[in-house]
PDB file of N, CA and C in Angstrom:
ATOM      1  N   UNK A   1      79.650  45.381 136.617  1.00  0.00           N
ATOM      2  CA  UNK A   1      78.273  45.836 136.841  1.00  0.00           C
ATOM      3  C   UNK A   1      77.949  44.637 137.814  1.00  0.00           C
ATOM      4  N   UNK A   2      77.120  45.009 138.931  1.00  0.00           N
ATOM      5  CA  UNK A   2      76.473  44.374 139.851  1.00  0.00           C
ATOM      6  C   UNK A   2      75.238  43.617 139.253  1.00  0.00           C
ATOM      7  N   UNK A   3      74.882  42.481 139.765  1.00  0.00           N
ATOM      8  CA  UNK A   3      73.481  42.041 139.523  1.00  0.00           C
ATOM      9  C   UNK A   3      72.357  43.038 139.713  1.00  0.00           C
ATOM     10  N   UNK A   4      72.364  43.642 140.623  1.00  0.00           N
ATOM     11  CA  UNK A   4      71.344  44.748 140.827  1.00  0.00           C
ATOM     12  C   UNK A   4      71.466  45.667 139.814  1.00  0.00           C
ATOM     13  N   UNK A   5      72.603  46.150 139.251  1.00  0.00           N
ATOM     14  CA  UNK A   5      72.605  47.192 138.359  1.00  0.00           C
ATOM     15  C   UNK A   5      72.182  46.452 136.864  1.00  0.00           C
ATOM     16  N   UNK A   6      72.653  45.301 136.720  1.00  0.00           N
ATOM     17  CA  UNK A   6      72.161  44.721 135.457  1.00  0.00           C
ATOM     18  C   UNK A   6      70.595  44.613 135.404  1.00  0.00           C
ATOM     19  N   UNK A   7      69.939  44.214 136.411  1.00  0.00           N
ATOM     20  CA  UNK A   7      68.436  43.967 136.583  1.00  0.00           C
ATOM     21  C   UNK A   7      67.879  45.435 136.248  1.00  0.00           C
ATOM     22  N   UNK A   8      68.325  46.486 136.886  1.00  0.00           N
ATOM     23  CA  UNK A   8      67.815  47.899 136.485  1.00  0.00           C
ATOM     24  C   UNK A   8      68.009  48.168 135.140  1.00  0.00           C
ATOM     25  N   UNK A   9      69.131  48.021 134.632  1.00  0.00           N
ATOM     26  CA  UNK A   9      69.618  48.381 133.386  1.00  0.00           C
ATOM     27  C   UNK A   9      68.487  47.538 132.273  1.00  0.00           C
ATOM     28  N   UNK A  10      68.238  46.272 132.469  1.00  0.00           N
ATOM     29  CA  UNK A  10      67.498  45.526 131.510  1.00  0.00           C
ATOM     30  C   UNK A  10      66.002  46.032 131.747  1.00  0.00           C
ATOM     31  N   UNK A  11      65.427  46.167 132.764  1.00  0.00           N
ATOM     32  CA  UNK A  11      64.086  46.606 133.068  1.00  0.00           C
ATOM     33  C   UNK A  11      63.896  48.030 132.442  1.00  0.00           C
ATOM     34  N   UNK A  12      64.899  48.848 132.844  1.00  0.00           N
ATOM     35  CA  UNK A  12      64.747  50.258 132.360  1.00  0.00           C
ATOM     36  C   UNK A  12      64.682  50.215 130.834  1.00  0.00           C
ATOM     37  N   UNK A  13      65.321  49.466 130.157  1.00  0.00           N
ATOM     38  CA  UNK A  13      65.403  49.454 128.649  1.00  0.00           C
ATOM     39  C   UNK A  13      64.010  48.824 128.069  1.00  0.00           C
ATOM     40  N   UNK A  14      63.643  47.775 128.678  1.00  0.00           N
ATOM     41  CA  UNK A  14      62.606  46.975 128.357  1.00  0.00           C
ATOM     42  C   UNK A  14      61.165  47.693 128.532  1.00  0.00           C
ATOM     43  N   UNK A  15      61.010  48.506 129.604  1.00  0.00           N
ATOM     44  CA  UNK A  15      59.767  48.869 130.185  1.00  0.00           C
ATOM     45  C   UNK A  15      59.544  50.363 130.092  1.00  0.00           C
ATOM     46  N   UNK A  16      60.910  51.106 130.165  1.00  0.00           N
ATOM     47  CA  UNK A  16      60.602  52.611 130.362  1.00  0.00           C
ATOM     48  C   UNK A  16      59.709  52.778 131.564  1.00  0.00           C
ATOM     49  N   UNK A  17      59.937  52.390 132.773  1.00  0.00           N
ATOM     50  CA  UNK A  17      59.123  52.362 133.949  1.00  0.00           C
ATOM     51  C   UNK A  17      59.182  53.913 134.487  1.00  0.00           C
ATOM     52  N   UNK A  18      57.872  54.180 134.985  1.00  0.00           N
ATOM     53  CA  UNK A  18      57.720  55.344 135.757  1.00  0.00           C
ATOM     54  C   UNK A  18      58.296  55.253 137.101  1.00  0.00           C
ATOM     55  N   UNK A  19      58.456  54.078 137.525  1.00  0.00           N
ATOM     56  CA  UNK A  19      58.947  53.790 139.022  1.00  0.00           C
ATOM     57  C   UNK A  19      59.564  52.337 138.959  1.00  0.00           C
ATOM     58  N   UNK A  20      60.958  52.395 139.386  1.00  0.00           N
ATOM     59  CA  UNK A  20      61.606  51.351 139.324  1.00  0.00           C
ATOM     60  C   UNK A  20      62.552  51.057 140.517  1.00  0.00           C
ATOM     61  N   UNK A  21      62.427  50.182 141.555  1.00  0.00           N
ATOM     62  CA  UNK A  21      63.181  49.901 142.737  1.00  0.00           C
ATOM     63  C   UNK A  21      63.723  48.538 142.667  1.00  0.00           C
ATOM     64  N   UNK A  22      64.953  48.334 142.783  1.00  0.00           N
ATOM     65  CA  UNK A  22      65.540  47.131 142.649  1.00  0.00           C
ATOM     66  C   UNK A  22      66.463  46.939 144.042  1.00  0.00           C
ATOM     67  N   UNK A  23      66.113  45.956 144.952  1.00  0.00           N
ATOM     68  CA  UNK A  23      66.624  45.874 146.351  1.00  0.00           C
ATOM     69  C   UNK A  23      67.389  44.432 146.409  1.00  0.00           C
ATOM     70  N   UNK A  24      68.630  44.494 146.765  1.00  0.00           N
ATOM     71  CA  UNK A  24      69.477  43.253 146.855  1.00  0.00           C
ATOM     72  C   UNK A  24      69.258  42.899 148.299  1.00  0.00           C
ATOM     73  N   UNK A  25      68.382  41.830 148.514  1.00  0.00           N
ATOM     74  CA  UNK A  25      67.927  41.325 149.846  1.00  0.00           C
ATOM     75  C   UNK A  25      68.547  40.036 150.278  1.00  0.00           C
ATOM     76  N   UNK A  26      69.781  39.967 149.695  1.00  0.00           N
ATOM     77  CA  UNK A  26      70.608  38.677 149.922  1.00  0.00           C
ATOM     78  C   UNK A  26      71.013  38.424 151.416  1.00  0.00           C
ATOM     79  N   UNK A  27      71.385  39.728 151.932  1.00  0.00           N
ATOM     80  CA  UNK A  27      72.027  39.575 153.318  1.00  0.00           C
ATOM     81  C   UNK A  27      70.827  39.201 154.363  1.00  0.00           C
ATOM     82  N   UNK A  28      69.606  39.420 154.252  1.00  0.00           N
ATOM     83  CA  UNK A  28      68.639  38.737 155.126  1.00  0.00           C
ATOM     84  C   UNK A  28      68.372  37.370 154.786  1.00  0.00           C
ATOM     85  N   UNK A  29      68.952  36.626 153.946  1.00  0.00           N
ATOM     86  CA  UNK A  29      68.799  35.449 153.617  1.00  0.00           C
ATOM     87  C   UNK A  29      69.935  34.445 153.939  1.00  0.00           C
ATOM     88  N   UNK A  30      70.877  35.189 154.552  1.00  0.00           N
ATOM     89  CA  UNK A  30      72.087  34.548 155.039  1.00  0.00           C
ATOM     90  C   UNK A  30      72.002  33.233 155.991  1.00  0.00           C
ATOM     91  N   UNK A  31      72.548  32.212 155.446  1.00  0.00           N
ATOM     92  CA  UNK A  31      72.286  30.911 156.164  1.00  0.00           C
ATOM     93  C   UNK A  31      71.000  30.112 155.635  1.00  0.00           C
ATOM     94  N   UNK A  32      70.292  30.645 154.673  1.00  0.00           N
ATOM     95  CA  UNK A  32      69.077  29.873 154.052  1.00  0.00           C
ATOM     96  C   UNK A  32      69.467  29.273 152.901  1.00  0.00           C
ATOM     97  N   UNK A  33      68.657  28.261 152.410  1.00  0.00           N
ATOM     98  CA  UNK A  33      68.957  27.695 150.897  1.00  0.00           C
ATOM     99  C   UNK A  33      69.051  28.862 150.004  1.00  0.00           C
ATOM    100  N   UNK A  34      70.013  28.550 149.063  1.00  0.00           N
ATOM    101  CA  UNK A  34      70.126  29.433 147.885  1.00  0.00           C
ATOM    102  C   UNK A  34      70.998  30.530 148.229  1.00  0.00           C
ATOM    103  N   UNK A  35      71.521  30.755 149.429  1.00  0.00           N
ATOM    104  CA  UNK A  35      72.502  31.835 149.684  1.00  0.00           C
ATOM    105  C   UNK A  35      73.812  31.146 149.790  1.00  0.00           C
ATOM    106  N   UNK A  36      74.704  31.509 148.847  1.00  0.00           N
ATOM    107  CA  UNK A  36      76.033  30.905 148.835  1.00  0.00           C
ATOM    108  C   UNK A  36      77.133  31.829 149.595  1.00  0.00           C
ATOM    109  N   UNK A  37      76.607  32.846 150.458  1.00  0.00           N
ATOM    110  CA  UNK A  37      77.675  33.623 151.237  1.00  0.00           C
ATOM    111  C   UNK A  37      78.216  34.666 150.267  1.00  0.00           C
ATOM    112  N   UNK A  38      77.856  34.757 149.129  1.00  0.00           N
ATOM    113  CA  UNK A  38      78.604  35.761 148.331  1.00  0.00           C
ATOM    114  C   UNK A  38      77.627  37.055 147.877  1.00  0.00           C
ATOM    115  N   UNK A  39      76.323  36.887 148.307  1.00  0.00           N
ATOM    116  CA  UNK A  39      75.500  37.893 148.223  1.00  0.00           C
ATOM    117  C   UNK A  39      74.921  37.792 146.547  1.00  0.00           C
ATOM    118  N   UNK A  40      74.105  38.818 146.248  1.00  0.00           N
ATOM    119  CA  UNK A  40      73.422  38.790 144.948  1.00  0.00           C
ATOM    120  C   UNK A  40      72.725  37.599 144.552  1.00  0.00           C
ATOM    121  N   UNK A  41      72.057  37.201 145.672  1.00  0.00           N
ATOM    122  CA  UNK A  41      71.061  35.935 145.228  1.00  0.00           C
ATOM    123  C   UNK A  41      69.718  36.198 145.472  1.00  0.00           C
ATOM    124  N   UNK A  42      69.114  37.078 146.047  1.00  0.00           N
ATOM    125  CA  UNK A  42      67.643  37.407 146.435  1.00  0.00           C
ATOM    126  C   UNK A  42      67.348  38.956 146.083  1.00  0.00           C
ATOM    127  N   UNK A  43      66.366  39.182 145.367  1.00  0.00           N
ATOM    128  CA  UNK A  43      66.210  40.571 144.814  1.00  0.00           C
ATOM    129  C   UNK A  43      64.714  40.738 144.982  1.00  0.00           C
ATOM    130  N   UNK A  44      64.304  41.967 145.584  1.00  0.00           N
ATOM    131  CA  UNK A  44      62.953  42.472 145.400  1.00  0.00           C
ATOM    132  C   UNK A  44      62.834  43.521 144.243  1.00  0.00           C
ATOM    133  N   UNK A  45      61.964  43.437 143.450  1.00  0.00           N
ATOM    134  CA  UNK A  45      61.765  44.457 142.371  1.00  0.00           C
ATOM    135  C   UNK A  45      60.370  45.082 142.507  1.00  0.00           C
ATOM    136  N   UNK A  46      60.422  46.482 142.381  1.00  0.00           N
ATOM    137  CA  UNK A  46      58.924  47.177 142.331  1.00  0.00           C
ATOM    138  C   UNK A  46      59.115  47.987 141.143  1.00  0.00           C
ATOM    139  N   UNK A  47      58.238  47.649 140.070  1.00  0.00           N
ATOM    140  CA  UNK A  47      58.172  48.368 138.830  1.00  0.00           C
ATOM    141  C   UNK A  47      56.751  48.693 138.436  1.00  0.00           C
ATOM    142  N   UNK A  48      56.718  49.838 137.781  1.00  0.00           N
ATOM    143  CA  UNK A  48      55.401  50.569 137.482  1.00  0.00           C
ATOM    144  C   UNK A  48      55.651  50.893 135.992  1.00  0.00           C
ATOM    145  N   UNK A  49      54.917  50.652 134.942  1.00  0.00           N
ATOM    146  CA  UNK A  49      55.033  50.741 133.527  1.00  0.00           C
ATOM    147  C   UNK A  49      53.890  50.535 132.770  1.00  0.00           C
ATOM    148  N   UNK A  50      53.678  51.643 131.893  1.00  0.00           N
ATOM    149  CA  UNK A  50      52.376  51.555 131.050  1.00  0.00           C
ATOM    150  C   UNK A  50      52.514  50.118 130.109  1.00  0.00           C
ATOM    151  N   UNK A  51      53.677  49.652 130.086  1.00  0.00           N
ATOM    152  CA  UNK A  51      53.653  48.488 129.289  1.00  0.00           C
ATOM    153  C   UNK A  51      52.939  47.316 129.923  1.00  0.00           C
ATOM    154  N   UNK A  52      52.495  47.345 131.105  1.00  0.00           N
ATOM    155  CA  UNK A  52      51.900  46.411 131.788  1.00  0.00           C
ATOM    156  C   UNK A  52      50.276  46.490 131.705  1.00  0.00           C
ATOM    157  N   UNK A  53      49.813  47.627 131.143  1.00  0.00           N
ATOM    158  CA  UNK A  53      48.390  47.852 131.075  1.00  0.00           C
ATOM    159  C   UNK A  53      47.676  46.760 130.251  1.00  0.00           C
ATOM    160  N   UNK A  54      46.590  46.198 130.826  1.00  0.00           N
ATOM    161  CA  UNK A  54      45.864  45.304 130.335  1.00  0.00           C
ATOM    162  C   UNK A  54      46.222  43.946 130.166  1.00  0.00           C
ATOM    163  N   UNK A  55      47.591  43.869 130.978  1.00  0.00           N
ATOM    164  CA  UNK A  55      48.101  42.323 131.029  1.00  0.00           C
ATOM    165  C   UNK A  55      47.918  41.857 132.588  1.00  0.00           C
ATOM    166  N   UNK A  56      47.525  40.536 132.518  1.00  0.00           N
ATOM    167  CA  UNK A  56      47.224  39.933 133.972  1.00  0.00           C
ATOM    168  C   UNK A  56      48.411  39.577 134.606  1.00  0.00           C
ATOM    169  N   UNK A  57      48.422  39.288 135.963  1.00  0.00           N
ATOM    170  CA  UNK A  57      49.657  39.147 136.713  1.00  0.00           C
ATOM    171  C   UNK A  57      50.634  37.985 136.118  1.00  0.00           C
ATOM    172  N   UNK A  58      50.243  37.199 135.526  1.00  0.00           N
ATOM    173  CA  UNK A  58      51.126  36.095 135.172  1.00  0.00           C
ATOM    174  C   UNK A  58      51.681  36.579 133.846  1.00  0.00           C
ATOM    175  N   UNK A  59      51.142  37.268 133.116  1.00  0.00           N
ATOM    176  CA  UNK A  59      51.807  37.891 131.855  1.00  0.00           C
ATOM    177  C   UNK A  59      52.825  38.891 132.274  1.00  0.00           C
ATOM    178  N   UNK A  60      52.397  39.688 133.230  1.00  0.00           N
ATOM    179  CA  UNK A  60      53.372  40.646 133.557  1.00  0.00           C
ATOM    180  C   UNK A  60      54.727  39.934 134.221  1.00  0.00           C
ATOM    181  N   UNK A  61      54.640  38.909 134.916  1.00  0.00           N
ATOM    182  CA  UNK A  61      55.756  38.279 135.400  1.00  0.00           C
ATOM    183  C   UNK A  61      56.610  37.538 134.260  1.00  0.00           C
ATOM    184  N   UNK A  62      55.902  37.125 133.164  1.00  0.00           N
ATOM    185  CA  UNK A  62      56.437  36.426 132.159  1.00  0.00           C
ATOM    186  C   UNK A  62      57.294  37.579 131.406  1.00  0.00           C
ATOM    187  N   UNK A  63      56.646  38.652 131.152  1.00  0.00           N
ATOM    188  CA  UNK A  63      57.390  39.875 130.434  1.00  0.00           C
ATOM    189  C   UNK A  63      58.761  40.365 131.239  1.00  0.00           C
ATOM    190  N   UNK A  64      58.733  40.289 132.630  1.00  0.00           N
ATOM    191  CA  UNK A  64      59.887  40.806 133.354  1.00  0.00           C
ATOM    192  C   UNK A  64      60.805  39.497 133.211  1.00  0.00           C
ATOM    193  N   UNK A  65      60.547  38.420 133.392  1.00  0.00           N
ATOM    194  CA  UNK A  65      61.310  37.326 133.397  1.00  0.00           C
ATOM    195  C   UNK A  65      62.197  37.339 132.003  1.00  0.00           C
ATOM    196  N   UNK A  66      61.313  37.446 130.790  1.00  0.00           N
ATOM    197  CA  UNK A  66      61.765  37.442 129.630  1.00  0.00           C
ATOM    198  C   UNK A  66      62.843  38.646 129.175  1.00  0.00           C
ATOM    199  N   UNK A  67      62.592  39.702 129.794  1.00  0.00           N
ATOM    200  CA  UNK A  67      63.312  40.961 129.723  1.00  0.00           C
ATOM    201  C   UNK A  67      64.735  40.706 130.616  1.00  0.00           C
ATOM    202  N   UNK A  68      64.548  40.024 131.567  1.00  0.00           N
ATOM    203  CA  UNK A  68      65.909  39.785 132.429  1.00  0.00           C
ATOM    204  C   UNK A  68      66.662  38.763 131.872  1.00  0.00           C
ATOM    205  N   UNK A  69      66.141  37.794 131.158  1.00  0.00           N
ATOM    206  CA  UNK A  69      66.961  36.673 130.477  1.00  0.00           C
ATOM    207  C   UNK A  69      67.634  35.767 131.244  1.00  0.00           C
ATOM    208  N   UNK A  70      68.914  35.824 130.896  1.00  0.00           N
ATOM    209  CA  UNK A  70      69.711  34.779 131.893  1.00  0.00           C
ATOM    210  C   UNK A  70      70.077  35.174 133.135  1.00  0.00           C
ATOM    211  N   UNK A  71      69.821  36.417 133.459  1.00  0.00           N
ATOM    212  CA  UNK A  71      69.759  36.758 135.020  1.00  0.00           C
ATOM    213  C   UNK A  71      69.002  35.924 135.964  1.00  0.00           C
ATOM    214  N   UNK A  72      67.830  35.547 135.520  1.00  0.00           N
ATOM    215  CA  UNK A  72      66.930  34.764 136.308  1.00  0.00           C
ATOM    216  C   UNK A  72      67.560  33.461 136.660  1.00  0.00           C
ATOM    217  N   UNK A  73      68.217  32.858 135.781  1.00  0.00           N
ATOM    218  CA  UNK A  73      68.907  31.665 136.136  1.00  0.00           C
ATOM    219  C   UNK A  73      69.915  31.668 137.020  1.00  0.00           C
ATOM    220  N   UNK A  74      70.564  32.922 137.421  1.00  0.00           N
ATOM    221  CA  UNK A  74      71.891  33.031 138.084  1.00  0.00           C
ATOM    222  C   UNK A  74      71.447  33.373 139.408  1.00  0.00           C
ATOM    223  N   UNK A  75      70.317  33.864 139.899  1.00  0.00           N
ATOM    224  CA  UNK A  75      69.875  34.148 141.164  1.00  0.00           C
ATOM    225  C   UNK A  75      68.864  33.048 141.799  1.00  0.00           C
ATOM    226  N   UNK A  76      68.821  33.215 143.109  1.00  0.00           N
ATOM    227  CA  UNK A  76      68.126  32.182 143.824  1.00  0.00           C
ATOM    228  C   UNK A  76      66.447  32.783 143.827  1.00  0.00           C
ATOM    229  N   UNK A  77      66.197  33.990 143.961  1.00  0.00           N
ATOM    230  CA  UNK A  77      64.815  34.375 144.427  1.00  0.00           C
ATOM    231  C   UNK A  77      64.834  35.969 143.790  1.00  0.00           C
ATOM    232  N   UNK A  78      63.427  36.088 143.305  1.00  0.00           N
ATOM    233  CA  UNK A  78      63.207  37.393 142.600  1.00  0.00           C
ATOM    234  C   UNK A  78      61.834  37.481 142.852  1.00  0.00           C
ATOM    235  N   UNK A  79      61.470  38.564 143.956  1.00  0.00           N
ATOM    236  CA  UNK A  79      60.203  38.944 144.389  1.00  0.00           C
ATOM    237  C   UNK A  79      59.777  40.166 143.319  1.00  0.00           C
ATOM    238  N   UNK A  80      58.436  40.036 142.941  1.00  0.00           N
ATOM    239  CA  UNK A  80      58.054  41.175 141.959  1.00  0.00           C
ATOM    240  C   UNK A  80      56.844  41.766 142.350  1.00  0.00           C
ATOM    241  N   UNK A  81      56.925  43.129 142.460  1.00  0.00           N
ATOM    242  CA  UNK A  81      55.607  43.972 142.665  1.00  0.00           C
ATOM    243  C   UNK A  81      55.449  44.625 141.377  1.00  0.00           C
ATOM    244  N   UNK A  82      54.594  44.332 140.572  1.00  0.00           N
ATOM    245  CA  UNK A  82      54.387  44.831 139.137  1.00  0.00           C
ATOM    246  C   UNK A  82      52.952  45.385 138.906  1.00  0.00           C
ATOM    247  N   UNK A  83      52.892  46.645 138.479  1.00  0.00           N
ATOM    248  CA  UNK A  83      51.668  47.334 138.208  1.00  0.00           C
ATOM    249  C   UNK A  83      51.926  48.347 137.191  1.00  0.00           C
ATOM    250  N   UNK A  84      50.805  49.084 136.742  1.00  0.00           N
ATOM    251  CA  UNK A  84      50.817  49.962 135.665  1.00  0.00           C
ATOM    252  C   UNK A  84      51.311  51.474 136.374  1.00  0.00           C
TER     253      UNK A  84
END
């Protein structure tokens, strides 16, 4: 299973989102720090879930990082667009 698929699976299970888009943006960072040439190092995530209602931006990011667990440590960059 690819890292993108792992991210999607974990976020789907944790938040039952109404919208979820995970984009592997690694190729656009080729030659930059953190890109090892293998890919699966830079991701953009757009997620919408009622689970984020009443939570501030920092708390939402912490929730996503917790749901992703060790995946966060294995990638270089994770851009998050989180809302209700």
